[in-house]
């Protein structure tokens, strides 16, 4: 469970667009092989 960029103790994104939050999710999902992650929002 991450603090999304700008929330909690995470630093804010340079550009707080939905694309920036997508890139953040991509970094975390890519830590595991494809098909290993259940995304809960």
ModelCIF file with pLDDT and N, C-alpha, C, O atoms, coordinates in Angstrom:
data_MODEL
#
_entry.id   MODEL 
#
_entity.id                         1 
_entity.type                       polymer 
_entity.pdbx_number_of_molecules   1 
#
_entity_poly.entity_id                      1 
_entity_poly.type                           'polypeptide(L)' 
_entity_poly.nstd_linkage                   no 
_entity_poly.nstd_monomer                   no 
_entity_poly.pdbx_seq_one_letter_code       
;(UNK)(UNK)(UNK)(UNK)(UNK)(UNK)(UNK)(UNK)(UNK)(UNK)(UNK)(UNK)(UNK)(UNK)(UNK)(UNK)
(UNK)(UNK)(UNK)(UNK)(UNK)(UNK)(UNK)(UNK)(UNK)(UNK)(UNK)(UNK)(UNK)(UNK)(UNK)(UNK)
(UNK)(UNK)(UNK)(UNK)(UNK)(UNK)(UNK)(UNK)(UNK)
;
_entity_poly.pdbx_seq_one_letter_code_can   XXXXXXXXXXXXXXXXXXXXXXXXXXXXXXXXXXXXXXXXX 
_entity_poly.pdbx_strand_id                 A 
#
loop_
_entity_poly_seq.entity_id 
_entity_poly_seq.num 
_entity_poly_seq.mon_id 
_entity_poly_seq.hetero 
1 1  UNK n 
1 2  UNK n 
1 3  UNK n 
1 4  UNK n 
1 5  UNK n 
1 6  UNK n 
1 7  UNK n 
1 8  UNK n 
1 9  UNK n 
1 10 UNK n 
1 11 UNK n 
1 12 UNK n 
1 13 UNK n 
1 14 UNK n 
1 15 UNK n 
1 16 UNK n 
1 17 UNK n 
1 18 UNK n 
1 19 UNK n 
1 20 UNK n 
1 21 UNK n 
1 22 UNK n 
1 23 UNK n 
1 24 UNK n 
1 25 UNK n 
1 26 UNK n 
1 27 UNK n 
1 28 UNK n 
1 29 UNK n 
1 30 UNK n 
1 31 UNK n 
1 32 UNK n 
1 33 UNK n 
1 34 UNK n 
1 35 UNK n 
1 36 UNK n 
1 37 UNK n 
1 38 UNK n 
1 39 UNK n 
1 40 UNK n 
1 41 UNK n 
#
_struct_asym.id          A 
_struct_asym.entity_id   1 
#
loop_
_ma_qa_metric.id 
_ma_qa_metric.mode 
_ma_qa_metric.name 
_ma_qa_metric.software_group_id 
_ma_qa_metric.type 
1 global pLDDT . pLDDT 
2 local  pLDDT . pLDDT 
#
_ma_qa_metric_global.metric_id      1 
_ma_qa_metric_global.metric_value   91.76 
_ma_qa_metric_global.model_id       1 
_ma_qa_metric_global.ordinal_id     1 
#
loop_
_ma_qa_metric_local.label_asym_id 
_ma_qa_metric_local.label_comp_id 
_ma_qa_metric_local.label_seq_id 
_ma_qa_metric_local.metric_id 
_ma_qa_metric_local.metric_value 
_ma_qa_metric_local.model_id 
_ma_qa_metric_local.ordinal_id 
A UNK 1  2 97.00 1 1  
A UNK 2  2 96.00 1 2  
A UNK 3  2 95.00 1 3  
A UNK 4  2 95.00 1 4  
A UNK 5  2 93.00 1 5  
A UNK 6  2 92.00 1 6  
A UNK 7  2 93.00 1 7  
A UNK 8  2 91.00 1 8  
A UNK 9  2 90.00 1 9  
A UNK 10 2 92.00 1 10 
A UNK 11 2 89.00 1 11 
A UNK 12 2 87.00 1 12 
A UNK 13 2 85.00 1 13 
A UNK 14 2 82.00 1 14 
A UNK 15 2 85.00 1 15 
A UNK 16 2 86.00 1 16 
A UNK 17 2 90.00 1 17 
A UNK 18 2 92.00 1 18 
A UNK 19 2 92.00 1 19 
A UNK 20 2 92.00 1 20 
A UNK 21 2 94.00 1 21 
A UNK 22 2 95.00 1 22 
A UNK 23 2 93.00 1 23 
A UNK 24 2 94.00 1 24 
A UNK 25 2 96.00 1 25 
A UNK 26 2 95.00 1 26 
A UNK 27 2 92.00 1 27 
A UNK 28 2 94.00 1 28 
A UNK 29 2 95.00 1 29 
A UNK 30 2 92.00 1 30 
A UNK 31 2 89.00 1 31 
A UNK 32 2 87.00 1 32 
A UNK 33 2 85.00 1 33 
A UNK 34 2 84.00 1 34 
A UNK 35 2 84.00 1 35 
A UNK 36 2 92.00 1 36 
A UNK 37 2 96.00 1 37 
A UNK 38 2 97.00 1 38 
A UNK 39 2 98.00 1 39 
A UNK 40 2 98.00 1 40 
A UNK 41 2 98.00 1 41 
#
loop_
_atom_site.group_PDB 
_atom_site.id 
_atom_site.type_symbol 
_atom_site.label_atom_id 
_atom_site.label_alt_id 
_atom_site.label_comp_id 
_atom_site.label_asym_id 
_atom_site.label_entity_id 
_atom_site.label_seq_id 
_atom_site.pdbx_PDB_ins_code 
_atom_site.Cartn_x 
_atom_site.Cartn_y 
_atom_site.Cartn_z 
_atom_site.occupancy 
_atom_site.B_iso_or_equiv 
_atom_site.pdbx_formal_charge 
_atom_site.auth_seq_id 
_atom_site.auth_comp_id 
_atom_site.auth_asym_id 
_atom_site.auth_atom_id 
_atom_site.pdbx_PDB_model_num 
ATOM 1   N N  . UNK A 1 1  ? 0.852  -1.194  0.000   1.00 97.00 ? 1  UNK A N  1 
ATOM 2   C CA . UNK A 1 1  ? 0.000  0.000   0.000   1.00 97.00 ? 1  UNK A CA 1 
ATOM 3   C C  . UNK A 1 1  ? 0.883  1.237   0.000   1.00 97.00 ? 1  UNK A C  1 
ATOM 4   O O  . UNK A 1 1  ? 1.410  1.609   1.049   1.00 97.00 ? 1  UNK A O  1 
ATOM 5   N N  . UNK A 1 2  ? 1.059  1.882   -1.142  1.00 96.00 ? 2  UNK A N  1 
ATOM 6   C CA . UNK A 1 2  ? 1.887  3.088   -1.179  1.00 96.00 ? 2  UNK A CA 1 
ATOM 7   C C  . UNK A 1 2  ? 1.102  4.343   -0.830  1.00 96.00 ? 2  UNK A C  1 
ATOM 8   O O  . UNK A 1 2  ? -0.109 4.409   -1.045  1.00 96.00 ? 2  UNK A O  1 
ATOM 9   N N  . UNK A 1 3  ? 1.796  5.336   -0.292  1.00 95.00 ? 3  UNK A N  1 
ATOM 10  C CA . UNK A 1 3  ? 1.268  6.696   -0.304  1.00 95.00 ? 3  UNK A CA 1 
ATOM 11  C C  . UNK A 1 3  ? 1.413  7.190   -1.737  1.00 95.00 ? 3  UNK A C  1 
ATOM 12  O O  . UNK A 1 3  ? 2.532  7.296   -2.241  1.00 95.00 ? 3  UNK A O  1 
ATOM 13  N N  . UNK A 1 4  ? 0.316  7.491   -2.394  1.00 95.00 ? 4  UNK A N  1 
ATOM 14  C CA . UNK A 1 4  ? 0.415  8.015   -3.761  1.00 95.00 ? 4  UNK A CA 1 
ATOM 15  C C  . UNK A 1 4  ? 1.228  9.310   -3.757  1.00 95.00 ? 4  UNK A C  1 
ATOM 16  O O  . UNK A 1 4  ? 1.227  10.034  -2.762  1.00 95.00 ? 4  UNK A O  1 
ATOM 17  N N  . UNK A 1 5  ? 1.920  9.609   -4.853  1.00 93.00 ? 5  UNK A N  1 
ATOM 18  C CA . UNK A 1 5  ? 2.755  10.810  -4.900  1.00 93.00 ? 5  UNK A CA 1 
ATOM 19  C C  . UNK A 1 5  ? 1.997  12.059  -4.450  1.00 93.00 ? 5  UNK A C  1 
ATOM 20  O O  . UNK A 1 5  ? 0.923  12.381  -4.958  1.00 93.00 ? 5  UNK A O  1 
ATOM 21  N N  . UNK A 1 6  ? 2.598  12.750  -3.476  1.00 92.00 ? 6  UNK A N  1 
ATOM 22  C CA . UNK A 1 6  ? 1.993  13.959  -2.928  1.00 92.00 ? 6  UNK A CA 1 
ATOM 23  C C  . UNK A 1 6  ? 1.175  13.726  -1.679  1.00 92.00 ? 6  UNK A C  1 
ATOM 24  O O  . UNK A 1 6  ? 0.790  14.684  -1.008  1.00 92.00 ? 6  UNK A O  1 
ATOM 25  N N  . UNK A 1 7  ? 0.896  12.463  -1.348  1.00 93.00 ? 7  UNK A N  1 
ATOM 26  C CA . UNK A 1 7  ? 0.081  12.135  -0.191  1.00 93.00 ? 7  UNK A CA 1 
ATOM 27  C C  . UNK A 1 7  ? 0.923  11.401  0.850   1.00 93.00 ? 7  UNK A C  1 
ATOM 28  O O  . UNK A 1 7  ? 1.956  10.813  0.532   1.00 93.00 ? 7  UNK A O  1 
ATOM 29  N N  . UNK A 1 8  ? 0.458  11.447  2.106   1.00 91.00 ? 8  UNK A N  1 
ATOM 30  C CA . UNK A 1 8  ? 1.224  10.803  3.162   1.00 91.00 ? 8  UNK A CA 1 
ATOM 31  C C  . UNK A 1 8  ? 2.632  11.368  3.221   1.00 91.00 ? 8  UNK A C  1 
ATOM 32  O O  . UNK A 1 8  ? 2.826  12.579  3.335   1.00 91.00 ? 8  UNK A O  1 
ATOM 33  N N  . UNK A 1 9  ? 3.614  10.475  3.140   1.00 90.00 ? 9  UNK A N  1 
ATOM 34  C CA . UNK A 1 9  ? 5.011  10.890  3.196   1.00 90.00 ? 9  UNK A CA 1 
ATOM 35  C C  . UNK A 1 9  ? 5.714  10.783  1.847   1.00 90.00 ? 9  UNK A C  1 
ATOM 36  O O  . UNK A 1 9  ? 6.936  10.918  1.779   1.00 90.00 ? 9  UNK A O  1 
ATOM 37  N N  . UNK A 1 10 ? 4.963  10.542  0.773   1.00 92.00 ? 10 UNK A N  1 
ATOM 38  C CA . UNK A 1 10 ? 5.568  10.481  -0.561  1.00 92.00 ? 10 UNK A CA 1 
ATOM 39  C C  . UNK A 1 10 ? 5.697  11.877  -1.158  1.00 92.00 ? 10 UNK A C  1 
ATOM 40  O O  . UNK A 1 10 ? 4.828  12.730  -0.977  1.00 92.00 ? 10 UNK A O  1 
ATOM 41  N N  . UNK A 1 11 ? 6.798  12.093  -1.873  1.00 89.00 ? 11 UNK A N  1 
ATOM 42  C CA . UNK A 1 11 ? 7.003  13.377  -2.538  1.00 89.00 ? 11 UNK A CA 1 
ATOM 43  C C  . UNK A 1 11 ? 5.982  13.558  -3.655  1.00 89.00 ? 11 UNK A C  1 
ATOM 44  O O  . UNK A 1 11 ? 5.539  12.574  -4.246  1.00 89.00 ? 11 UNK A O  1 
ATOM 45  N N  . UNK A 1 12 ? 5.601  14.803  -3.956  1.00 87.00 ? 12 UNK A N  1 
ATOM 46  C CA . UNK A 1 12 ? 4.642  15.048  -5.039  1.00 87.00 ? 12 UNK A CA 1 
ATOM 47  C C  . UNK A 1 12 ? 5.279  14.812  -6.402  1.00 87.00 ? 12 UNK A C  1 
ATOM 48  O O  . UNK A 1 12 ? 6.497  14.927  -6.544  1.00 87.00 ? 12 UNK A O  1 
ATOM 49  N N  . UNK A 1 13 ? 4.469  14.485  -7.408  1.00 85.00 ? 13 UNK A N  1 
ATOM 50  C CA . UNK A 1 13 ? 5.005  14.333  -8.764  1.00 85.00 ? 13 UNK A CA 1 
ATOM 51  C C  . UNK A 1 13 ? 5.339  15.699  -9.349  1.00 85.00 ? 13 UNK A C  1 
ATOM 52  O O  . UNK A 1 13 ? 4.804  16.722  -8.920  1.00 85.00 ? 13 UNK A O  1 
ATOM 53  N N  . UNK A 1 14 ? 6.230  15.698  -10.335 1.00 82.00 ? 14 UNK A N  1 
ATOM 54  C CA . UNK A 1 14 ? 6.565  16.960  -10.999 1.00 82.00 ? 14 UNK A CA 1 
ATOM 55  C C  . UNK A 1 14 ? 5.337  17.544  -11.692 1.00 82.00 ? 14 UNK A C  1 
ATOM 56  O O  . UNK A 1 14 ? 5.110  18.754  -11.674 1.00 82.00 ? 14 UNK A O  1 
ATOM 57  N N  . UNK A 1 15 ? 4.557  16.663  -12.299 1.00 85.00 ? 15 UNK A N  1 
ATOM 58  C CA . UNK A 1 15 ? 3.347  17.083  -13.009 1.00 85.00 ? 15 UNK A CA 1 
ATOM 59  C C  . UNK A 1 15 ? 2.216  16.180  -12.541 1.00 85.00 ? 15 UNK A C  1 
ATOM 60  O O  . UNK A 1 15 ? 2.167  15.017  -12.941 1.00 85.00 ? 15 UNK A O  1 
ATOM 61  N N  . UNK A 1 16 ? 1.297  16.678  -11.702 1.00 86.00 ? 16 UNK A N  1 
ATOM 62  C CA . UNK A 1 16 ? 0.281  15.815  -11.094 1.00 86.00 ? 16 UNK A CA 1 
ATOM 63  C C  . UNK A 1 16 ? -0.859 15.449  -12.046 1.00 86.00 ? 16 UNK A C  1 
ATOM 64  O O  . UNK A 1 16 ? -2.030 15.607  -11.702 1.00 86.00 ? 16 UNK A O  1 
ATOM 65  N N  . UNK A 1 17 ? -0.522 14.966  -13.224 1.00 90.00 ? 17 UNK A N  1 
ATOM 66  C CA . UNK A 1 17 ? -1.523 14.525  -14.189 1.00 90.00 ? 17 UNK A CA 1 
ATOM 67  C C  . UNK A 1 17 ? -1.867 13.071  -13.913 1.00 90.00 ? 17 UNK A C  1 
ATOM 68  O O  . UNK A 1 17 ? -1.160 12.392  -13.168 1.00 90.00 ? 17 UNK A O  1 
ATOM 69  N N  . UNK A 1 18 ? -2.949 12.591  -14.511 1.00 92.00 ? 18 UNK A N  1 
ATOM 70  C CA . UNK A 1 18 ? -3.302 11.191  -14.355 1.00 92.00 ? 18 UNK A CA 1 
ATOM 71  C C  . UNK A 1 18 ? -2.199 10.309  -14.946 1.00 92.00 ? 18 UNK A C  1 
ATOM 72  O O  . UNK A 1 18 ? -1.986 9.188   -14.486 1.00 92.00 ? 18 UNK A O  1 
ATOM 73  N N  . UNK A 1 19 ? -1.500 10.816  -15.963 1.00 92.00 ? 19 UNK A N  1 
ATOM 74  C CA . UNK A 1 19 ? -0.392 10.069  -16.543 1.00 92.00 ? 19 UNK A CA 1 
ATOM 75  C C  . UNK A 1 19 ? 0.734  9.862   -15.553 1.00 92.00 ? 19 UNK A C  1 
ATOM 76  O O  . UNK A 1 19 ? 1.377  8.813   -15.562 1.00 92.00 ? 19 UNK A O  1 
ATOM 77  N N  . UNK A 1 20 ? 0.988  10.847  -14.692 1.00 92.00 ? 20 UNK A N  1 
ATOM 78  C CA . UNK A 1 20 ? 2.037  10.711  -13.682 1.00 92.00 ? 20 UNK A CA 1 
ATOM 79  C C  . UNK A 1 20 ? 1.685  9.615   -12.685 1.00 92.00 ? 20 UNK A C  1 
ATOM 80  O O  . UNK A 1 20 ? 2.553  8.846   -12.271 1.00 92.00 ? 20 UNK A O  1 
ATOM 81  N N  . UNK A 1 21 ? 0.422  9.541   -12.301 1.00 94.00 ? 21 UNK A N  1 
ATOM 82  C CA . UNK A 1 21 ? 0.001  8.486   -11.383 1.00 94.00 ? 21 UNK A CA 1 
ATOM 83  C C  . UNK A 1 21 ? 0.010  7.128   -12.072 1.00 94.00 ? 21 UNK A C  1 
ATOM 84  O O  . UNK A 1 21 ? 0.288  6.116   -11.428 1.00 94.00 ? 21 UNK A O  1 
ATOM 85  N N  . UNK A 1 22 ? -0.286 7.087   -13.362 1.00 95.00 ? 22 UNK A N  1 
ATOM 86  C CA . UNK A 1 22 ? -0.160 5.840   -14.113 1.00 95.00 ? 22 UNK A CA 1 
ATOM 87  C C  . UNK A 1 22 ? 1.290  5.362   -14.134 1.00 95.00 ? 22 UNK A C  1 
ATOM 88  O O  . UNK A 1 22 ? 1.551  4.170   -13.971 1.00 95.00 ? 22 UNK A O  1 
ATOM 89  N N  . UNK A 1 23 ? 2.219  6.266   -14.328 1.00 93.00 ? 23 UNK A N  1 
ATOM 90  C CA . UNK A 1 23 ? 3.631  5.863   -14.355 1.00 93.00 ? 23 UNK A CA 1 
ATOM 91  C C  . UNK A 1 23 ? 4.077  5.341   -12.986 1.00 93.00 ? 23 UNK A C  1 
ATOM 92  O O  . UNK A 1 23 ? 4.892  4.423   -12.906 1.00 93.00 ? 23 UNK A O  1 
ATOM 93  N N  . UNK A 1 24 ? 3.550  5.919   -11.931 1.00 94.00 ? 24 UNK A N  1 
ATOM 94  C CA . UNK A 1 24 ? 3.846  5.440   -10.585 1.00 94.00 ? 24 UNK A CA 1 
ATOM 95  C C  . UNK A 1 24 ? 3.338  4.004   -10.402 1.00 94.00 ? 24 UNK A C  1 
ATOM 96  O O  . UNK A 1 24 ? 4.049  3.155   -9.865  1.00 94.00 ? 24 UNK A O  1 
ATOM 97  N N  . UNK A 1 25 ? 2.113  3.741   -10.848 1.00 96.00 ? 25 UNK A N  1 
ATOM 98  C CA . UNK A 1 25 ? 1.563  2.385   -10.767 1.00 96.00 ? 25 UNK A CA 1 
ATOM 99  C C  . UNK A 1 25 ? 2.396  1.423   -11.593 1.00 96.00 ? 25 UNK A C  1 
ATOM 100 O O  . UNK A 1 25 ? 2.670  0.305   -11.156 1.00 96.00 ? 25 UNK A O  1 
ATOM 101 N N  . UNK A 1 26 ? 2.800  1.843   -12.773 1.00 95.00 ? 26 UNK A N  1 
ATOM 102 C CA . UNK A 1 26 ? 3.610  0.982   -13.648 1.00 95.00 ? 26 UNK A CA 1 
ATOM 103 C C  . UNK A 1 26 ? 4.889  0.549   -12.961 1.00 95.00 ? 26 UNK A C  1 
ATOM 104 O O  . UNK A 1 26 ? 5.283  -0.613  -13.063 1.00 95.00 ? 26 UNK A O  1 
ATOM 105 N N  . UNK A 1 27 ? 5.551  1.470   -12.256 1.00 92.00 ? 27 UNK A N  1 
ATOM 106 C CA . UNK A 1 27 ? 6.801  1.119   -11.577 1.00 92.00 ? 27 UNK A CA 1 
ATOM 107 C C  . UNK A 1 27 ? 6.572  0.035   -10.535 1.00 92.00 ? 27 UNK A C  1 
ATOM 108 O O  . UNK A 1 27 ? 7.400  -0.864  -10.393 1.00 92.00 ? 27 UNK A O  1 
ATOM 109 N N  . UNK A 1 28 ? 5.465  0.103   -9.804  1.00 94.00 ? 28 UNK A N  1 
ATOM 110 C CA . UNK A 1 28 ? 5.200  -0.882  -8.766  1.00 94.00 ? 28 UNK A CA 1 
ATOM 111 C C  . UNK A 1 28 ? 4.729  -2.213  -9.353  1.00 94.00 ? 28 UNK A C  1 
ATOM 112 O O  . UNK A 1 28 ? 5.145  -3.275  -8.889  1.00 94.00 ? 28 UNK A O  1 
ATOM 113 N N  . UNK A 1 29 ? 3.867  -2.163  -10.365 1.00 95.00 ? 29 UNK A N  1 
ATOM 114 C CA . UNK A 1 29 ? 3.390  -3.401  -10.980 1.00 95.00 ? 29 UNK A CA 1 
ATOM 115 C C  . UNK A 1 29 ? 4.537  -4.151  -11.642 1.00 95.00 ? 29 UNK A C  1 
ATOM 116 O O  . UNK A 1 29 ? 4.569  -5.381  -11.611 1.00 95.00 ? 29 UNK A O  1 
ATOM 117 N N  . UNK A 1 30 ? 5.481  -3.426  -12.243 1.00 92.00 ? 30 UNK A N  1 
ATOM 118 C CA . UNK A 1 30 ? 6.575  -4.058  -12.982 1.00 92.00 ? 30 UNK A CA 1 
ATOM 119 C C  . UNK A 1 30 ? 7.579  -4.746  -12.070 1.00 92.00 ? 30 UNK A C  1 
ATOM 120 O O  . UNK A 1 30 ? 8.469  -5.438  -12.563 1.00 92.00 ? 30 UNK A O  1 
ATOM 121 N N  . UNK A 1 31 ? 7.465  -4.577  -10.748 1.00 89.00 ? 31 UNK A N  1 
ATOM 122 C CA . UNK A 1 31 ? 8.344  -5.286  -9.827  1.00 89.00 ? 31 UNK A CA 1 
ATOM 123 C C  . UNK A 1 31 ? 8.057  -6.785  -9.809  1.00 89.00 ? 31 UNK A C  1 
ATOM 124 O O  . UNK A 1 31 ? 8.908  -7.578  -9.409  1.00 89.00 ? 31 UNK A O  1 
ATOM 125 N N  . UNK A 1 32 ? 6.851  -7.172  -10.245 1.00 87.00 ? 32 UNK A N  1 
ATOM 126 C CA . UNK A 1 32 ? 6.458  -8.577  -10.268 1.00 87.00 ? 32 UNK A CA 1 
ATOM 127 C C  . UNK A 1 32 ? 6.186  -9.005  -11.703 1.00 87.00 ? 32 UNK A C  1 
ATOM 128 O O  . UNK A 1 32 ? 5.861  -8.160  -12.538 1.00 87.00 ? 32 UNK A O  1 
ATOM 129 N N  . UNK A 1 33 ? 6.311  -10.307 -12.019 1.00 85.00 ? 33 UNK A N  1 
ATOM 130 C CA . UNK A 1 33 ? 5.987  -10.776 -13.369 1.00 85.00 ? 33 UNK A CA 1 
ATOM 131 C C  . UNK A 1 33 ? 4.544  -10.469 -13.740 1.00 85.00 ? 33 UNK A C  1 
ATOM 132 O O  . UNK A 1 33 ? 3.685  -10.351 -12.866 1.00 85.00 ? 33 UNK A O  1 
ATOM 133 N N  . UNK A 1 34 ? 4.280  -10.342 -15.025 1.00 84.00 ? 34 UNK A N  1 
ATOM 134 C CA . UNK A 1 34 ? 2.923  -10.083 -15.503 1.00 84.00 ? 34 UNK A CA 1 
ATOM 135 C C  . UNK A 1 34 ? 1.987  -11.169 -15.005 1.00 84.00 ? 34 UNK A C  1 
ATOM 136 O O  . UNK A 1 34 ? 2.309  -12.356 -15.056 1.00 84.00 ? 34 UNK A O  1 
ATOM 137 N N  . UNK A 1 35 ? 0.835  -10.754 -14.527 1.00 84.00 ? 35 UNK A N  1 
ATOM 138 C CA . UNK A 1 35 ? -0.159 -11.697 -14.039 1.00 84.00 ? 35 UNK A CA 1 
ATOM 139 C C  . UNK A 1 35 ? -0.058 -12.004 -12.566 1.00 84.00 ? 35 UNK A C  1 
ATOM 140 O O  . UNK A 1 35 ? -0.857 -12.784 -12.048 1.00 84.00 ? 35 UNK A O  1 
ATOM 141 N N  . UNK A 1 36 ? 0.905  -11.412 -11.870 1.00 92.00 ? 36 UNK A N  1 
ATOM 142 C CA . UNK A 1 36 ? 1.073  -11.668 -10.434 1.00 92.00 ? 36 UNK A CA 1 
ATOM 143 C C  . UNK A 1 36 ? 0.348  -10.658 -9.555  1.00 92.00 ? 36 UNK A C  1 
ATOM 144 O O  . UNK A 1 36 ? 0.208  -10.879 -8.353  1.00 92.00 ? 36 UNK A O  1 
ATOM 145 N N  . UNK A 1 37 ? -0.118 -9.551  -10.135 1.00 96.00 ? 37 UNK A N  1 
ATOM 146 C CA . UNK A 1 37 ? -0.657 -8.448  -9.332  1.00 96.00 ? 37 UNK A CA 1 
ATOM 147 C C  . UNK A 1 37 ? -2.168 -8.328  -9.474  1.00 96.00 ? 37 UNK A C  1 
ATOM 148 O O  . UNK A 1 37 ? -2.714 -8.351  -10.577 1.00 96.00 ? 37 UNK A O  1 
ATOM 149 N N  . UNK A 1 38 ? -2.825 -8.201  -8.332  1.00 97.00 ? 38 UNK A N  1 
ATOM 150 C CA . UNK A 1 38 ? -4.232 -7.799  -8.293  1.00 97.00 ? 38 UNK A CA 1 
ATOM 151 C C  . UNK A 1 38 ? -4.248 -6.337  -7.849  1.00 97.00 ? 38 UNK A C  1 
ATOM 152 O O  . UNK A 1 38 ? -3.836 -6.010  -6.736  1.00 97.00 ? 38 UNK A O  1 
ATOM 153 N N  . UNK A 1 39 ? -4.723 -5.475  -8.725  1.00 98.00 ? 39 UNK A N  1 
ATOM 154 C CA . UNK A 1 39 ? -4.741 -4.041  -8.447  1.00 98.00 ? 39 UNK A CA 1 
ATOM 155 C C  . UNK A 1 39 ? -6.048 -3.704  -7.739  1.00 98.00 ? 39 UNK A C  1 
ATOM 156 O O  . UNK A 1 39 ? -7.132 -4.004  -8.238  1.00 98.00 ? 39 UNK A O  1 
ATOM 157 N N  . UNK A 1 40 ? -5.932 -3.082  -6.578  1.00 98.00 ? 40 UNK A N  1 
ATOM 158 C CA . UNK A 1 40 ? -7.085 -2.771  -5.735  1.00 98.00 ? 40 UNK A CA 1 
ATOM 159 C C  . UNK A 1 40 ? -7.127 -1.259  -5.531  1.00 98.00 ? 40 UNK A C  1 
ATOM 160 O O  . UNK A 1 40 ? -6.166 -0.674  -5.031  1.00 98.00 ? 40 UNK A O  1 
ATOM 161 N N  . UNK A 1 41 ? -8.220 -0.633  -5.911  1.00 98.00 ? 41 UNK A N  1 
ATOM 162 C CA . UNK A 1 41 ? -8.301 0.821   -5.800  1.00 98.00 ? 41 UNK A CA 1 
ATOM 163 C C  . UNK A 1 41 ? -9.587 1.286   -5.163  1.00 98.00 ? 41 UNK A C  1 
ATOM 164 O O  . UNK A 1 41 ? -9.797 2.489   -5.003  1.00 98.00 ? 41 UNK A O  1 
#
